[in-house]
Amino acid sequence: MTLPSFLTLILTEIGWNLAVWLPTVLLSLLFIRLVLGVPMRELVAEIEDHQTAAIGAVFFWASLGFALLFSRVVAAPAPLTELSWSQAFVWLGMAVGLSLLLFSLGVWLVFGTLARRKGESVSGYLRRELVAEHNLALSFILGSLFLVPVVVAYHVTM
């Protein structure tokens, strides 16, 4: 391998890693802000001072799920047919949308039942359990509700 092709390979690898990593971090932060209700200015305190393990678990499973989808598009945009990059990204958008829809339905069914028992809204229940009470087990249950539709979308739509 010559030096220019080696440098091209390194730059390509860095570029695609950033293209996959940046959206996963942004989507994780968005989930933590909108669903868990943790303001970004308090995120460091939740991680360092309160040591809220659920925050770390949310980063883990959101990053894992979206990285599966995004990296699939990067690695092979058309595994079964010859699609253009734009068509592949349309499929990616559909996969993300379907994954989020099925995740939302799963959260509503599972945590809606638990929240009703406590007389709370789903978002209030999740905020209390994950942030105030540091319920890591609940975070992993939430993660499994997310990972299943993402992995299925990964295999079906991509």
Protein backbone atom coordinates (compact mmCIF):
# COMPACT_ATOMS: atom_id res chain seq x y z
CA MET A 1 0.00 0.00 0.00
CA THR A 2 1.45 3.35 -0.99
CA LEU A 3 1.55 6.33 1.36
CA PRO A 4 -1.15 8.37 -0.48
CA SER A 5 -3.56 5.40 -0.56
CA PHE A 6 -2.83 4.75 3.11
CA LEU A 7 -3.58 8.38 3.98
CA THR A 8 -6.75 8.25 1.89
CA LEU A 9 -7.83 5.13 3.76
CA ILE A 10 -7.14 6.77 7.14
CA LEU A 11 -9.03 9.95 6.16
CA THR A 12 -11.94 7.91 4.82
CA GLU A 13 -12.09 5.91 8.04
CA ILE A 14 -12.05 9.07 10.16
CA GLY A 15 -14.71 10.70 7.99
CA TRP A 16 -17.12 7.77 8.13
CA ASN A 17 -16.57 7.33 11.86
CA LEU A 18 -17.49 10.97 12.40
CA ALA A 19 -20.50 10.59 10.08
CA VAL A 20 -21.76 7.71 12.25
CA TRP A 21 -20.63 8.97 15.65
CA LEU A 22 -21.96 12.53 15.53
CA PRO A 23 -25.63 11.61 14.86
CA THR A 24 -25.57 8.91 17.53
CA VAL A 25 -24.28 11.35 20.15
CA LEU A 26 -26.80 14.00 19.11
CA LEU A 27 -29.69 11.51 19.22
CA SER A 28 -28.56 10.24 22.64
CA LEU A 29 -28.42 13.80 23.99
CA LEU A 30 -31.81 14.57 22.47
CA PHE A 31 -33.33 11.49 24.12
CA ILE A 32 -31.77 12.38 27.49
CA ARG A 33 -33.12 15.93 27.23
CA LEU A 34 -36.61 15.21 25.88
CA VAL A 35 -37.49 11.90 27.52
CA LEU A 36 -35.49 11.93 30.74
CA GLY A 37 -35.87 15.70 31.17
CA VAL A 38 -32.24 16.30 32.11
CA PRO A 39 -31.13 19.78 30.95
CA MET A 40 -27.78 19.72 29.15
CA ARG A 41 -26.26 22.09 31.72
CA GLU A 42 -27.02 19.46 34.42
CA LEU A 43 -25.77 16.47 32.43
CA VAL A 44 -22.23 16.61 33.84
CA ALA A 45 -23.57 16.85 37.40
CA GLU A 46 -25.83 13.82 36.78
CA ILE A 47 -22.86 11.82 35.51
CA GLU A 48 -20.12 12.96 37.89
CA ASP A 49 -21.84 14.08 41.10
CA HIS A 50 -24.99 11.95 41.23
CA GLN A 51 -23.41 9.11 39.23
CA THR A 52 -26.71 8.36 37.51
CA ALA A 53 -25.91 5.05 35.83
CA ALA A 54 -29.06 5.22 33.70
CA ILE A 55 -27.61 8.20 31.81
CA GLY A 56 -24.59 6.12 30.79
CA ALA A 57 -26.82 3.21 29.85
CA VAL A 58 -28.94 5.50 27.65
CA PHE A 59 -25.80 6.67 25.84
CA PHE A 60 -24.74 3.06 25.39
CA TRP A 61 -27.92 1.60 23.93
CA ALA A 62 -28.86 4.64 21.83
CA SER A 63 -25.35 4.74 20.39
CA LEU A 64 -25.34 0.99 19.75
CA GLY A 65 -28.69 1.00 17.99
CA PHE A 66 -28.11 4.00 15.77
CA ALA A 67 -24.53 2.98 15.05
CA LEU A 68 -25.87 -0.33 13.70
CA LEU A 69 -28.16 1.49 11.30
CA PHE A 70 -25.77 4.22 10.20
CA SER A 71 -22.78 1.93 9.83
CA ARG A 72 -24.83 -0.45 7.67
CA VAL A 73 -25.52 2.37 5.21
CA VAL A 74 -21.86 3.33 5.21
CA ALA A 75 -20.60 -0.23 4.78
CA ALA A 76 -23.05 -1.42 2.13
CA PRO A 77 -25.75 0.94 0.91
CA ALA A 78 -27.37 -1.68 -1.28
CA PRO A 79 -26.86 -5.26 -0.13
CA LEU A 80 -29.56 -6.86 -2.26
CA THR A 81 -30.06 -4.43 -5.12
CA GLU A 82 -28.11 -1.64 -6.69
CA LEU A 83 -29.43 1.50 -5.01
CA SER A 84 -28.01 4.97 -5.29
CA TRP A 85 -26.70 6.68 -2.15
CA SER A 86 -29.78 8.90 -2.06
CA GLN A 87 -32.08 5.86 -2.19
CA ALA A 88 -30.00 4.19 0.53
CA PHE A 89 -30.40 7.25 2.76
CA VAL A 90 -34.16 7.26 2.12
CA TRP A 91 -34.21 3.66 3.35
CA LEU A 92 -32.13 4.75 6.34
CA GLY A 93 -34.68 7.47 7.12
CA MET A 94 -37.49 4.93 6.90
CA ALA A 95 -35.57 2.52 9.14
CA VAL A 96 -34.95 5.21 11.76
CA GLY A 97 -38.57 6.35 11.59
CA LEU A 98 -39.96 2.81 11.94
CA SER A 99 -37.54 2.04 14.75
CA LEU A 100 -38.57 5.16 16.67
CA LEU A 101 -42.27 4.43 16.09
CA LEU A 102 -41.98 0.85 17.36
CA PHE A 103 -39.81 1.99 20.26
CA SER A 104 -42.41 4.61 21.21
CA LEU A 105 -45.19 2.02 21.06
CA GLY A 106 -43.17 -0.37 23.23
CA VAL A 107 -42.43 2.35 25.78
CA TRP A 108 -46.09 3.38 25.84
CA LEU A 109 -47.28 -0.21 26.34
CA VAL A 110 -44.71 -1.29 28.92
CA PHE A 111 -44.09 1.89 30.87
CA GLY A 112 -47.61 3.21 30.41
CA THR A 113 -48.83 0.26 32.45
CA LEU A 114 -46.24 0.87 35.18
CA ALA A 115 -46.86 4.62 35.22
CA ARG A 116 -50.64 4.16 35.56
CA ARG A 117 -50.08 2.00 38.64
CA LYS A 118 -48.27 4.95 40.24
CA GLY A 119 -50.71 7.56 38.86
CA GLU A 120 -47.96 9.25 36.80
CA SER A 121 -47.41 10.15 33.17
CA VAL A 122 -44.99 7.96 31.23
CA SER A 123 -42.40 10.74 30.98
CA GLY A 124 -42.78 11.59 34.69
CA TYR A 125 -42.42 7.92 35.62
CA LEU A 126 -39.27 7.51 33.48
CA ARG A 127 -37.71 10.71 34.82
CA ARG A 128 -38.33 9.68 38.41
CA GLU A 129 -37.13 6.10 37.99
CA LEU A 130 -34.11 6.76 35.76
CA VAL A 131 -32.86 10.11 37.03
CA ALA A 132 -34.09 10.57 40.59
CA GLU A 133 -33.93 6.92 41.67
CA HIS A 134 -31.01 5.81 39.45
CA ASN A 135 -32.86 2.71 38.26
CA LEU A 136 -30.31 1.08 35.96
CA ALA A 137 -32.41 -2.06 35.49
CA LEU A 138 -35.25 0.04 34.08
CA SER A 139 -32.80 1.74 31.74
CA PHE A 140 -31.71 -1.59 30.30
CA ILE A 141 -35.35 -2.61 29.83
CA LEU A 142 -35.87 0.66 27.99
CA GLY A 143 -32.76 -0.12 25.95
CA SER A 144 -34.06 -3.51 24.95
CA LEU A 145 -37.29 -1.90 23.76
CA PHE A 146 -35.13 0.32 21.55
CA LEU A 147 -32.59 -2.21 20.29
CA VAL A 148 -35.05 -4.82 19.06
CA PRO A 149 -36.80 -2.59 16.46
CA VAL A 150 -33.47 -1.04 15.43
CA VAL A 151 -31.83 -4.42 14.82
CA VAL A 152 -34.91 -5.67 12.95
CA ALA A 153 -34.96 -2.49 10.83
CA TYR A 154 -31.24 -2.99 10.23
CA HIS A 155 -31.86 -6.41 8.72
CA VAL A 156 -35.18 -5.76 6.98
CA THR A 157 -34.84 -2.29 5.46
CA MET A 158 -31.13 -2.20 4.78
